Amino acid sequence: MKTKKSPFRLFFLLLLLAASVTAAHAQENLKINSIFEKYGRQKGSTMVVFSGVALDDYKLDKYRSITLPYDTNRSNDIQQCLEEDKKQARKIKEVITNGIISSGYYQLPDERKRANRYILFKTGNDGTATLIYMEGGLDSEELINKLFIKNK
């Protein structure tokens, strides 16, 4: 017996597909996307992707991070991407060591006038580098407080 698909159900599925394509596009226009694509599945790298309910408490729509061993080739790739993407940033905070970005915070212009976008980067003393991309409704001060400052 065939079941008839309701037009509402089809519309809802198309709406979900359009929303996921739009969210994916927000990061695709950034050079750091190539770091996630190139190194995300390599041995020694750890990539984390969150969306949806997992981020509701943080008022974020998307979170993507990668931690990887930091060698010369990866350093060059990441540095080039950060240099290119920070040209779009409206707020930049960096620590430069020997001419190389060792940590950085970049707040990017709003996409679609509803989501704040951030790139965070840090090299660790253990020879690793962590790159994070986030987008959502929080302003930068509120976001930093929620993520990095523990409540007493």
C-alpha atoms as a PDB file:
ATOM      1  CA  MET A   1       0.000   0.000   0.000  1.00  0.00           C
ATOM      2  CA  LYS A   2       1.409   3.378  -0.997  1.00  0.00           C
ATOM      3  CA  THR A   3       1.296   6.230   1.425  1.00  0.00           C
ATOM      4  CA  LYS A   4       0.714   9.763   0.291  1.00  0.00           C
ATOM      5  CA  LYS A   5       3.383  12.246   1.419  1.00  0.00           C
ATOM      6  CA  SER A   6       1.903  15.412   2.730  1.00  0.00           C
ATOM      7  CA  PRO A   7       2.968  18.693   1.105  1.00  0.00           C
ATOM      8  CA  PHE A   8       3.754  20.051   4.586  1.00  0.00           C
ATOM      9  CA  ARG A   9       6.246  17.258   5.257  1.00  0.00           C
ATOM     10  CA  LEU A  10       7.968  17.838   1.925  1.00  0.00           C
ATOM     11  CA  PHE A  11       8.098  21.590   2.554  1.00  0.00           C
ATOM     12  CA  PHE A  12       9.581  20.997   6.022  1.00  0.00           C
ATOM     13  CA  LEU A  13      12.304  18.722   4.602  1.00  0.00           C
ATOM     14  CA  LEU A  14      13.181  21.297   1.938  1.00  0.00           C
ATOM     15  CA  LEU A  15      13.333  24.011   4.596  1.00  0.00           C
ATOM     16  CA  LEU A  16      15.746  21.920   6.700  1.00  0.00           C
ATOM     17  CA  LEU A  17      17.927  21.274   3.666  1.00  0.00           C
ATOM     18  CA  ALA A  18      18.038  24.981   2.805  1.00  0.00           C
ATOM     19  CA  ALA A  19      18.968  25.893   6.394  1.00  0.00           C
ATOM     20  CA  SER A  20      21.833  23.378   6.486  1.00  0.00           C
ATOM     21  CA  VAL A  21      23.200  24.594   3.142  1.00  0.00           C
ATOM     22  CA  THR A  22      23.089  28.212   4.384  1.00  0.00           C
ATOM     23  CA  ALA A  23      24.885  27.328   7.621  1.00  0.00           C
ATOM     24  CA  ALA A  24      27.551  25.385   5.759  1.00  0.00           C
ATOM     25  CA  HIS A  25      28.067  28.310   3.380  1.00  0.00           C
ATOM     26  CA  ALA A  26      28.935  30.686   6.237  1.00  0.00           C
ATOM     27  CA  GLN A  27      32.194  28.870   6.875  1.00  0.00           C
ATOM     28  CA  GLU A  28      32.906  27.894   3.267  1.00  0.00           C
ATOM     29  CA  ASN A  29      33.732  31.483   2.369  1.00  0.00           C
ATOM     30  CA  LEU A  30      36.592  31.383   4.901  1.00  0.00           C
ATOM     31  CA  LYS A  31      40.073  30.108   4.151  1.00  0.00           C
ATOM     32  CA  ILE A  32      40.209  28.182   7.447  1.00  0.00           C
ATOM     33  CA  ASN A  33      37.652  25.783   5.992  1.00  0.00           C
ATOM     34  CA  SER A  34      40.518  24.262   4.000  1.00  0.00           C
ATOM     35  CA  ILE A  35      42.312  23.393   7.273  1.00  0.00           C
ATOM     36  CA  PHE A  36      39.311  21.408   8.483  1.00  0.00           C
ATOM     37  CA  GLU A  37      38.974  19.691   5.114  1.00  0.00           C
ATOM     38  CA  LYS A  38      42.671  18.922   4.654  1.00  0.00           C
ATOM     39  CA  TYR A  39      43.659  17.854   8.175  1.00  0.00           C
ATOM     40  CA  GLY A  40      40.369  16.810   9.793  1.00  0.00           C
ATOM     41  CA  ARG A  41      40.713  13.108   9.067  1.00  0.00           C
ATOM     42  CA  GLN A  42      44.475  12.780   9.316  1.00  0.00           C
ATOM     43  CA  LYS A  43      46.097  10.608  11.938  1.00  0.00           C
ATOM     44  CA  GLY A  44      46.858  12.598  15.086  1.00  0.00           C
ATOM     45  CA  SER A  45      44.152  15.213  14.416  1.00  0.00           C
ATOM     46  CA  THR A  46      40.995  15.556  16.473  1.00  0.00           C
ATOM     47  CA  MET A  47      38.045  17.316  14.892  1.00  0.00           C
ATOM     48  CA  VAL A  48      34.848  18.141  16.776  1.00  0.00           C
ATOM     49  CA  VAL A  49      31.659  19.404  15.140  1.00  0.00           C
ATOM     50  CA  PHE A  50      28.568  20.434  17.110  1.00  0.00           C
ATOM     51  CA  SER A  51      25.292  21.883  15.960  1.00  0.00           C
ATOM     52  CA  GLY A  52      21.690  21.921  17.082  1.00  0.00           C
ATOM     53  CA  VAL A  53      20.616  21.047  20.620  1.00  0.00           C
ATOM     54  CA  ALA A  54      24.186  20.457  21.834  1.00  0.00           C
ATOM     55  CA  LEU A  55      24.834  24.201  21.500  1.00  0.00           C
ATOM     56  CA  ASP A  56      21.565  25.628  22.800  1.00  0.00           C
ATOM     57  CA  ASP A  57      23.006  26.530  26.224  1.00  0.00           C
ATOM     58  CA  TYR A  58      25.710  28.581  24.508  1.00  0.00           C
ATOM     59  CA  LYS A  59      23.325  30.264  22.048  1.00  0.00           C
ATOM     60  CA  LEU A  60      25.501  29.009  19.212  1.00  0.00           C
ATOM     61  CA  ASP A  61      24.375  27.557  15.895  1.00  0.00           C
ATOM     62  CA  LYS A  62      27.646  25.948  14.898  1.00  0.00           C
ATOM     63  CA  TYR A  63      30.909  24.908  16.537  1.00  0.00           C
ATOM     64  CA  ARG A  64      33.803  23.293  14.726  1.00  0.00           C
ATOM     65  CA  SER A  65      37.274  22.696  16.128  1.00  0.00           C
ATOM     66  CA  ILE A  66      40.400  20.860  15.152  1.00  0.00           C
ATOM     67  CA  THR A  67      43.443  20.064  17.262  1.00  0.00           C
ATOM     68  CA  LEU A  68      46.448  18.778  15.360  1.00  0.00           C
ATOM     69  CA  PRO A  69      50.172  18.217  15.634  1.00  0.00           C
ATOM     70  CA  TYR A  70      51.805  21.498  14.678  1.00  0.00           C
ATOM     71  CA  ASP A  71      54.650  21.111  12.209  1.00  0.00           C
ATOM     72  CA  THR A  72      56.124  23.533   9.669  1.00  0.00           C
ATOM     73  CA  ASN A  73      53.755  22.623   6.809  1.00  0.00           C
ATOM     74  CA  ARG A  74      50.644  22.863   8.956  1.00  0.00           C
ATOM     75  CA  SER A  75      51.924  26.069  10.525  1.00  0.00           C
ATOM     76  CA  ASN A  76      52.371  27.645   7.103  1.00  0.00           C
ATOM     77  CA  ASP A  77      48.893  26.529   5.981  1.00  0.00           C
ATOM     78  CA  ILE A  78      47.170  27.808   9.119  1.00  0.00           C
ATOM     79  CA  GLN A  79      49.095  31.095   9.185  1.00  0.00           C
ATOM     80  CA  GLN A  80      48.185  31.811   5.540  1.00  0.00           C
ATOM     81  CA  CYS A  81      44.511  31.060   6.189  1.00  0.00           C
ATOM     82  CA  LEU A  82      44.399  33.224   9.306  1.00  0.00           C
ATOM     83  CA  GLU A  83      46.110  36.107   7.496  1.00  0.00           C
ATOM     84  CA  GLU A  84      43.533  35.918   4.704  1.00  0.00           C
ATOM     85  CA  ASP A  85      40.469  35.523   6.945  1.00  0.00           C
ATOM     86  CA  LYS A  86      41.470  38.270   9.370  1.00  0.00           C
ATOM     87  CA  LYS A  87      41.136  40.758   6.513  1.00  0.00           C
ATOM     88  CA  GLN A  88      37.356  40.317   6.993  1.00  0.00           C
ATOM     89  CA  ALA A  89      37.472  40.608  10.797  1.00  0.00           C
ATOM     90  CA  ARG A  90      35.991  43.563  12.606  1.00  0.00           C
ATOM     91  CA  LYS A  91      37.729  42.707  15.886  1.00  0.00           C
ATOM     92  CA  ILE A  92      41.204  41.157  16.132  1.00  0.00           C
ATOM     93  CA  LYS A  93      43.236  40.125  19.156  1.00  0.00           C
ATOM     94  CA  GLU A  94      46.517  38.336  18.503  1.00  0.00           C
ATOM     95  CA  VAL A  95      49.703  37.234  20.186  1.00  0.00           C
ATOM     96  CA  ILE A  96      52.574  37.145  17.709  1.00  0.00           C
ATOM     97  CA  THR A  97      55.726  35.222  18.627  1.00  0.00           C
ATOM     98  CA  ASN A  98      58.753  35.428  16.324  1.00  0.00           C
ATOM     99  CA  GLY A  99      56.552  36.796  13.533  1.00  0.00           C
ATOM    100  CA  ILE A 100      54.032  33.923  13.786  1.00  0.00           C
ATOM    101  CA  ILE A 101      50.517  34.066  15.233  1.00  0.00           C
ATOM    102  CA  SER A 102      50.631  31.942  18.386  1.00  0.00           C
ATOM    103  CA  SER A 103      47.087  32.809  19.436  1.00  0.00           C
ATOM    104  CA  GLY A 104      44.318  34.767  17.837  1.00  0.00           C
ATOM    105  CA  TYR A 105      40.732  35.847  18.288  1.00  0.00           C
ATOM    106  CA  TYR A 106      38.820  37.151  15.283  1.00  0.00           C
ATOM    107  CA  GLN A 107      35.241  38.388  15.277  1.00  0.00           C
ATOM    108  CA  LEU A 108      33.891  38.382  11.751  1.00  0.00           C
ATOM    109  CA  PRO A 109      31.062  40.486  10.323  1.00  0.00           C
ATOM    110  CA  ASP A 110      27.571  39.115  10.816  1.00  0.00           C
ATOM    111  CA  GLU A 111      26.409  36.709   8.152  1.00  0.00           C
ATOM    112  CA  ARG A 112      22.741  37.065   7.259  1.00  0.00           C
ATOM    113  CA  LYS A 113      22.439  39.757   9.982  1.00  0.00           C
ATOM    114  CA  ARG A 114      21.632  37.160  12.635  1.00  0.00           C
ATOM    115  CA  ALA A 115      24.791  35.284  13.559  1.00  0.00           C
ATOM    116  CA  ASN A 116      28.044  36.446  15.062  1.00  0.00           C
ATOM    117  CA  ARG A 117      31.032  34.503  13.737  1.00  0.00           C
ATOM    118  CA  TYR A 118      34.340  33.826  15.461  1.00  0.00           C
ATOM    119  CA  ILE A 119      37.686  32.222  14.727  1.00  0.00           C
ATOM    120  CA  LEU A 120      39.909  31.257  17.654  1.00  0.00           C
ATOM    121  CA  PHE A 121      43.431  29.883  17.307  1.00  0.00           C
ATOM    122  CA  LYS A 122      46.088  28.814  19.798  1.00  0.00           C
ATOM    123  CA  THR A 123      49.331  26.880  19.718  1.00  0.00           C
ATOM    124  CA  GLY A 124      50.034  24.756  22.758  1.00  0.00           C
ATOM    125  CA  ASN A 125      53.263  24.061  24.591  1.00  0.00           C
ATOM    126  CA  ASP A 126      52.744  20.390  23.741  1.00  0.00           C
ATOM    127  CA  GLY A 127      53.375  20.909  19.997  1.00  0.00           C
ATOM    128  CA  THR A 128      49.715  21.074  19.002  1.00  0.00           C
ATOM    129  CA  ALA A 129      47.550  23.764  17.475  1.00  0.00           C
ATOM    130  CA  THR A 130      43.825  24.282  17.989  1.00  0.00           C
ATOM    131  CA  LEU A 131      41.608  26.107  15.503  1.00  0.00           C
ATOM    132  CA  ILE A 132      37.961  26.854  16.345  1.00  0.00           C
ATOM    133  CA  TYR A 133      35.140  28.284  14.248  1.00  0.00           C
ATOM    134  CA  MET A 134      31.865  29.300  15.947  1.00  0.00           C
ATOM    135  CA  GLU A 135      28.751  31.131  14.923  1.00  0.00           C
ATOM    136  CA  GLY A 136      25.661  32.133  16.803  1.00  0.00           C
ATOM    137  CA  GLY A 137      23.709  34.828  18.544  1.00  0.00           C
ATOM    138  CA  LEU A 138      26.010  35.687  21.445  1.00  0.00           C
ATOM    139  CA  ASP A 139      28.115  38.804  21.475  1.00  0.00           C
ATOM    140  CA  SER A 140      31.833  38.271  21.995  1.00  0.00           C
ATOM    141  CA  GLU A 141      32.005  39.235  25.666  1.00  0.00           C
ATOM    142  CA  GLU A 142      29.110  36.965  26.604  1.00  0.00           C
ATOM    143  CA  LEU A 143      30.560  34.114  24.547  1.00  0.00           C
ATOM    144  CA  ILE A 144      34.019  34.327  26.118  1.00  0.00           C
ATOM    145  CA  ASN A 145      32.473  34.431  29.597  1.00  0.00           C
ATOM    146  CA  LYS A 146      30.333  31.356  28.932  1.00  0.00           C
ATOM    147  CA  LEU A 147      33.087  29.297  27.330  1.00  0.00           C
ATOM    148  CA  PHE A 148      36.199  30.201  29.251  1.00  0.00           C
ATOM    149  CA  ILE A 149      35.294  31.658  32.654  1.00  0.00           C
ATOM    150  CA  LYS A 150      34.032  29.192  35.212  1.00  0.00           C
ATOM    151  CA  ASN A 151      31.139  30.194  37.435  1.00  0.00           C
ATOM    152  CA  LYS A 152      31.871  30.036  41.140  1.00  0.00           C
END
